[in-house]
Amino acid sequence: MALNVATASRPRLATFLIWQEVKLKLLTETLPDSAAAAEHIEAIIDGHSAGAMPLTEGTLRSVASRLLSEGCTHYAQGDLHRTVEGLERAYRFLEHTKDWISQHRAQATLAHCYLQQNALEKAVDRANNALVILVQHESGGGCGSRQAQSVGGHFE
C-alpha cells in the first residue's frame, strides 16, 4: 500500500488505511466471491467518495488493479456477468485517479462486454465514456464537457 506524506503526518488515517487494505486483501484472497468482500469494497469507495476516509492514489490504483485482474479472469472463464461486476467496481476506484489509460480501458472493455450481452444502451454509454476520456486527455484535459459530449454524442 502506498502512503503519501499527507497520510504519514496523520497516523490515525494511515493506520486506518493499512487496516482497510489488510481486510480487503484477506476478504478478496480467501473469499474472493463472497458478499462480505463485495460489501467491503463498496464501503471503501463510498468512504473515499464522501471524503470521510480518503485513499491515496496508490491505494486506489492497487484495488482497481486487483479488481481488473479478477474481471479478466472471469472473462477468460466465460462469465460475462461477473466480468462486468468486477470491471464496474474497478472503474469506481479508477475514476478517482489520474490513470486515464486504465479508465479508458475499463470503459472500452465494459462496452465490449455489454455488447456481447446485447445490452446495447449500456454498451453505447460505456463506449461514449471511453471516447470522452480519450478526447479529454488528447486535448490536455482542457476539453469542456460540451465538446466531450458532442464527440461522444455521435454514438447516441
C-alpha atoms as a PDB file:
ATOM      1  CA  MET A   1       0.000   0.000   0.000  1.00  0.00           C
ATOM      2  CA  ALA A   2       1.273   3.416  -0.905  1.00  0.00           C
ATOM      3  CA  LEU A   3       1.124   6.051   1.796  1.00  0.00           C
ATOM      4  CA  ASN A   4       1.912   9.627   0.949  1.00  0.00           C
ATOM      5  CA  VAL A   5       3.224  12.445   3.134  1.00  0.00           C
ATOM      6  CA  ALA A   6      -0.309  13.624   3.956  1.00  0.00           C
ATOM      7  CA  THR A   7      -1.272  10.271   5.437  1.00  0.00           C
ATOM      8  CA  ALA A   8       2.098   9.817   7.121  1.00  0.00           C
ATOM      9  CA  SER A   9       1.518  13.053   9.024  1.00  0.00           C
ATOM     10  CA  ARG A  10      -1.887  11.752  10.159  1.00  0.00           C
ATOM     11  CA  PRO A  11      -1.114   8.472  11.904  1.00  0.00           C
ATOM     12  CA  ARG A  12      -4.752   7.554  12.595  1.00  0.00           C
ATOM     13  CA  LEU A  13      -5.622   7.851   8.926  1.00  0.00           C
ATOM     14  CA  ALA A  14      -2.517   5.899   7.920  1.00  0.00           C
ATOM     15  CA  THR A  15      -3.414   3.131  10.376  1.00  0.00           C
ATOM     16  CA  PHE A  16      -6.993   3.068   9.105  1.00  0.00           C
ATOM     17  CA  LEU A  17      -5.805   2.765   5.502  1.00  0.00           C
ATOM     18  CA  ILE A  18      -3.461  -0.081   6.395  1.00  0.00           C
ATOM     19  CA  TRP A  19      -6.265  -1.966   8.163  1.00  0.00           C
ATOM     20  CA  GLN A  20      -8.626  -1.392   5.231  1.00  0.00           C
ATOM     21  CA  GLU A  21      -6.010  -2.767   2.836  1.00  0.00           C
ATOM     22  CA  VAL A  22      -5.373  -5.803   5.066  1.00  0.00           C
ATOM     23  CA  LYS A  23      -9.091  -6.513   5.439  1.00  0.00           C
ATOM     24  CA  LEU A  24      -9.643  -6.151   1.708  1.00  0.00           C
ATOM     25  CA  LYS A  25      -6.717  -8.438   0.927  1.00  0.00           C
ATOM     26  CA  LEU A  26      -7.967 -11.090   3.347  1.00  0.00           C
ATOM     27  CA  LEU A  27     -11.502 -10.932   2.008  1.00  0.00           C
ATOM     28  CA  THR A  28     -10.567 -10.960  -1.661  1.00  0.00           C
ATOM     29  CA  GLU A  29      -7.891 -13.641  -1.388  1.00  0.00           C
ATOM     30  CA  THR A  30      -9.636 -16.009   1.000  1.00  0.00           C
ATOM     31  CA  LEU A  31     -13.222 -15.477  -0.153  1.00  0.00           C
ATOM     32  CA  PRO A  32     -12.978 -13.625  -3.488  1.00  0.00           C
ATOM     33  CA  ASP A  33     -16.611 -14.186  -4.406  1.00  0.00           C
ATOM     34  CA  SER A  34     -18.081 -13.510  -1.001  1.00  0.00           C
ATOM     35  CA  ALA A  35     -20.737 -10.919  -0.338  1.00  0.00           C
ATOM     36  CA  ALA A  36     -18.565  -9.623   2.515  1.00  0.00           C
ATOM     37  CA  ALA A  37     -15.709  -8.843   0.117  1.00  0.00           C
ATOM     38  CA  ALA A  38     -18.044  -7.040  -2.289  1.00  0.00           C
ATOM     39  CA  GLU A  39     -19.648  -5.107   0.555  1.00  0.00           C
ATOM     40  CA  HIS A  40     -16.272  -4.065   1.945  1.00  0.00           C
ATOM     41  CA  ILE A  41     -15.121  -2.861  -1.471  1.00  0.00           C
ATOM     42  CA  GLU A  42     -18.251  -0.717  -1.758  1.00  0.00           C
ATOM     43  CA  ALA A  43     -17.752   0.670   1.766  1.00  0.00           C
ATOM     44  CA  ILE A  44     -14.162   1.639   0.960  1.00  0.00           C
ATOM     45  CA  ILE A  45     -15.034   3.534  -2.216  1.00  0.00           C
ATOM     46  CA  ASP A  46     -18.106   5.136  -0.640  1.00  0.00           C
ATOM     47  CA  GLY A  47     -15.956   6.378   2.250  1.00  0.00           C
ATOM     48  CA  HIS A  48     -13.430   7.790  -0.195  1.00  0.00           C
ATOM     49  CA  SER A  49     -16.086   9.403  -2.390  1.00  0.00           C
ATOM     50  CA  ALA A  50     -17.744  11.046   0.600  1.00  0.00           C
ATOM     51  CA  GLY A  51     -14.381  12.332   1.815  1.00  0.00           C
ATOM     52  CA  ALA A  52     -14.763  10.509   5.128  1.00  0.00           C
ATOM     53  CA  MET A  53     -11.680   8.361   4.597  1.00  0.00           C
ATOM     54  CA  PRO A  54      -9.744   9.463   1.537  1.00  0.00           C
ATOM     55  CA  LEU A  55      -7.468   6.919  -0.075  1.00  0.00           C
ATOM     56  CA  THR A  56      -4.126   7.575  -1.707  1.00  0.00           C
ATOM     57  CA  GLU A  57      -3.680   7.359  -5.466  1.00  0.00           C
ATOM     58  CA  GLY A  58      -1.575   4.229  -4.936  1.00  0.00           C
ATOM     59  CA  THR A  59      -4.266   2.504  -2.888  1.00  0.00           C
ATOM     60  CA  LEU A  60      -6.981   3.379  -5.394  1.00  0.00           C
ATOM     61  CA  ARG A  61      -4.861   2.013  -8.236  1.00  0.00           C
ATOM     62  CA  SER A  62      -3.908  -1.107  -6.299  1.00  0.00           C
ATOM     63  CA  VAL A  63      -7.511  -2.036  -5.530  1.00  0.00           C
ATOM     64  CA  ALA A  64      -8.604  -1.210  -9.085  1.00  0.00           C
ATOM     65  CA  SER A  65      -5.798  -3.330 -10.499  1.00  0.00           C
ATOM     66  CA  ARG A  66      -6.867  -6.292  -8.380  1.00  0.00           C
ATOM     67  CA  LEU A  67     -10.488  -5.886  -9.485  1.00  0.00           C
ATOM     68  CA  LEU A  68      -9.490  -5.537 -13.148  1.00  0.00           C
ATOM     69  CA  SER A  69      -7.437  -8.709 -12.874  1.00  0.00           C
ATOM     70  CA  GLU A  70     -10.372 -10.588 -11.364  1.00  0.00           C
ATOM     71  CA  GLY A  71     -12.596  -9.282 -14.165  1.00  0.00           C
ATOM     72  CA  CYS A  72     -10.154 -10.573 -16.776  1.00  0.00           C
ATOM     73  CA  THR A  73     -10.086 -13.966 -15.067  1.00  0.00           C
ATOM     74  CA  HIS A  74     -13.891 -14.148 -15.152  1.00  0.00           C
ATOM     75  CA  TYR A  75     -13.844 -13.129 -18.825  1.00  0.00           C
ATOM     76  CA  ALA A  76     -11.397 -15.927 -19.623  1.00  0.00           C
ATOM     77  CA  GLN A  77     -13.767 -18.320 -17.854  1.00  0.00           C
ATOM     78  CA  GLY A  78     -16.665 -17.073 -19.996  1.00  0.00           C
ATOM     79  CA  ASP A  79     -18.560 -15.449 -17.123  1.00  0.00           C
ATOM     80  CA  LEU A  80     -19.605 -12.083 -18.566  1.00  0.00           C
ATOM     81  CA  HIS A  81     -21.844 -11.201 -15.625  1.00  0.00           C
ATOM     82  CA  ARG A  82     -19.002 -11.419 -13.100  1.00  0.00           C
ATOM     83  CA  THR A  83     -16.628  -9.781 -15.584  1.00  0.00           C
ATOM     84  CA  VAL A  84     -18.903  -6.741 -15.785  1.00  0.00           C
ATOM     85  CA  GLU A  85     -19.318  -6.608 -11.992  1.00  0.00           C
ATOM     86  CA  GLY A  86     -15.548  -6.602 -11.496  1.00  0.00           C
ATOM     87  CA  LEU A  87     -14.898  -4.003 -14.184  1.00  0.00           C
ATOM     88  CA  GLU A  88     -17.646  -1.698 -12.906  1.00  0.00           C
ATOM     89  CA  ARG A  89     -16.196  -1.893  -9.389  1.00  0.00           C
ATOM     90  CA  ALA A  90     -12.693  -1.294 -10.712  1.00  0.00           C
ATOM     91  CA  TYR A  91     -13.868   1.794 -12.571  1.00  0.00           C
ATOM     92  CA  ARG A  92     -15.401   3.208  -9.390  1.00  0.00           C
ATOM     93  CA  PHE A  93     -11.851   3.274  -7.979  1.00  0.00           C
ATOM     94  CA  LEU A  94     -10.167   4.361 -11.217  1.00  0.00           C
ATOM     95  CA  GLU A  95     -12.383   7.395 -11.722  1.00  0.00           C
ATOM     96  CA  HIS A  96     -10.772   8.893  -8.610  1.00  0.00           C
ATOM     97  CA  THR A  97      -7.259   8.506 -10.042  1.00  0.00           C
ATOM     98  CA  LYS A  98      -5.249  10.269 -12.708  1.00  0.00           C
ATOM     99  CA  ASP A  99      -4.775   6.969 -14.567  1.00  0.00           C
ATOM    100  CA  TRP A 100      -6.702   7.880 -17.715  1.00  0.00           C
ATOM    101  CA  ILE A 101      -5.324   4.901 -19.641  1.00  0.00           C
ATOM    102  CA  SER A 102      -6.830   2.380 -17.200  1.00  0.00           C
ATOM    103  CA  GLN A 103     -10.042   4.425 -17.031  1.00  0.00           C
ATOM    104  CA  HIS A 104     -10.290   4.284 -20.826  1.00  0.00           C
ATOM    105  CA  ARG A 105      -9.501   0.560 -20.983  1.00  0.00           C
ATOM    106  CA  ALA A 106     -12.078  -0.255 -18.304  1.00  0.00           C
ATOM    107  CA  GLN A 107     -14.809   1.693 -20.091  1.00  0.00           C
ATOM    108  CA  ALA A 108     -13.921   0.282 -23.533  1.00  0.00           C
ATOM    109  CA  THR A 109     -13.831  -3.265 -22.157  1.00  0.00           C
ATOM    110  CA  LEU A 110     -17.168  -2.735 -20.432  1.00  0.00           C
ATOM    111  CA  ALA A 111     -18.614  -1.540 -23.749  1.00  0.00           C
ATOM    112  CA  HIS A 112     -17.368  -4.736 -25.377  1.00  0.00           C
ATOM    113  CA  CYS A 113     -18.828  -6.931 -22.620  1.00  0.00           C
ATOM    114  CA  TYR A 114     -22.195  -5.173 -22.686  1.00  0.00           C
ATOM    115  CA  LEU A 115     -22.271  -5.552 -26.465  1.00  0.00           C
ATOM    116  CA  GLN A 116     -21.697  -9.296 -26.064  1.00  0.00           C
ATOM    117  CA  GLN A 117     -24.608  -9.361 -23.615  1.00  0.00           C
ATOM    118  CA  ASN A 118     -26.741  -7.483 -26.163  1.00  0.00           C
ATOM    119  CA  ALA A 119     -27.174  -4.632 -23.647  1.00  0.00           C
ATOM    120  CA  LEU A 120     -26.857  -2.015 -26.369  1.00  0.00           C
ATOM    121  CA  GLU A 121     -27.728   1.060 -24.316  1.00  0.00           C
ATOM    122  CA  LYS A 122     -25.087   0.231 -21.717  1.00  0.00           C
ATOM    123  CA  ALA A 123     -22.567  -0.633 -24.441  1.00  0.00           C
ATOM    124  CA  VAL A 124     -23.092   2.749 -26.116  1.00  0.00           C
ATOM    125  CA  ASP A 125     -22.862   4.543 -22.768  1.00  0.00           C
ATOM    126  CA  ARG A 126     -19.535   2.904 -21.884  1.00  0.00           C
ATOM    127  CA  ALA A 127     -18.148   3.443 -25.398  1.00  0.00           C
ATOM    128  CA  ASN A 128     -19.151   7.098 -25.096  1.00  0.00           C
ATOM    129  CA  ASN A 129     -17.398   7.321 -21.699  1.00  0.00           C
ATOM    130  CA  ALA A 130     -14.248   5.764 -23.166  1.00  0.00           C
ATOM    131  CA  LEU A 131     -14.273   8.253 -26.019  1.00  0.00           C
ATOM    132  CA  VAL A 132     -14.795  11.212 -23.681  1.00  0.00           C
ATOM    133  CA  ILE A 133     -11.845  10.102 -21.532  1.00  0.00           C
ATOM    134  CA  LEU A 134      -9.674   9.821 -24.626  1.00  0.00           C
ATOM    135  CA  VAL A 135     -10.739  13.206 -26.029  1.00  0.00           C
ATOM    136  CA  GLN A 136     -10.195  14.926 -22.690  1.00  0.00           C
ATOM    137  CA  HIS A 137      -6.696  13.507 -22.428  1.00  0.00           C
ATOM    138  CA  GLU A 138      -5.766  14.232 -26.042  1.00  0.00           C
ATOM    139  CA  SER A 139      -6.830  17.855 -25.606  1.00  0.00           C
ATOM    140  CA  GLY A 140      -4.693  18.199 -22.482  1.00  0.00           C
ATOM    141  CA  GLY A 141      -7.623  17.906 -20.112  1.00  0.00           C
ATOM    142  CA  GLY A 142      -8.961  21.231 -21.346  1.00  0.00           C
ATOM    143  CA  CYS A 143     -11.827  19.748 -23.275  1.00  0.00           C
ATOM    144  CA  GLY A 144     -15.056  21.207 -21.995  1.00  0.00           C
ATOM    145  CA  SER A 145     -17.892  18.886 -21.137  1.00  0.00           C
ATOM    146  CA  ARG A 146     -19.922  20.250 -24.085  1.00  0.00           C
ATOM    147  CA  GLN A 147     -17.141  19.359 -26.543  1.00  0.00           C
ATOM    148  CA  ALA A 148     -16.619  15.926 -24.958  1.00  0.00           C
ATOM    149  CA  GLN A 149     -20.353  15.238 -25.016  1.00  0.00           C
ATOM    150  CA  SER A 150     -20.607  16.289 -28.664  1.00  0.00           C
ATOM    151  CA  VAL A 151     -17.830  13.861 -29.583  1.00  0.00           C
ATOM    152  CA  GLY A 152     -19.449  11.061 -27.594  1.00  0.00           C
ATOM    153  CA  GLY A 153     -22.879  12.091 -28.831  1.00  0.00           C
ATOM    154  CA  HIS A 154     -22.116  10.674 -32.268  1.00  0.00           C
ATOM    155  CA  PHE A 155     -22.799   7.209 -30.843  1.00  0.00           C
ATOM    156  CA  GLU A 156     -26.224   8.030 -29.476  1.00  0.00           C
END
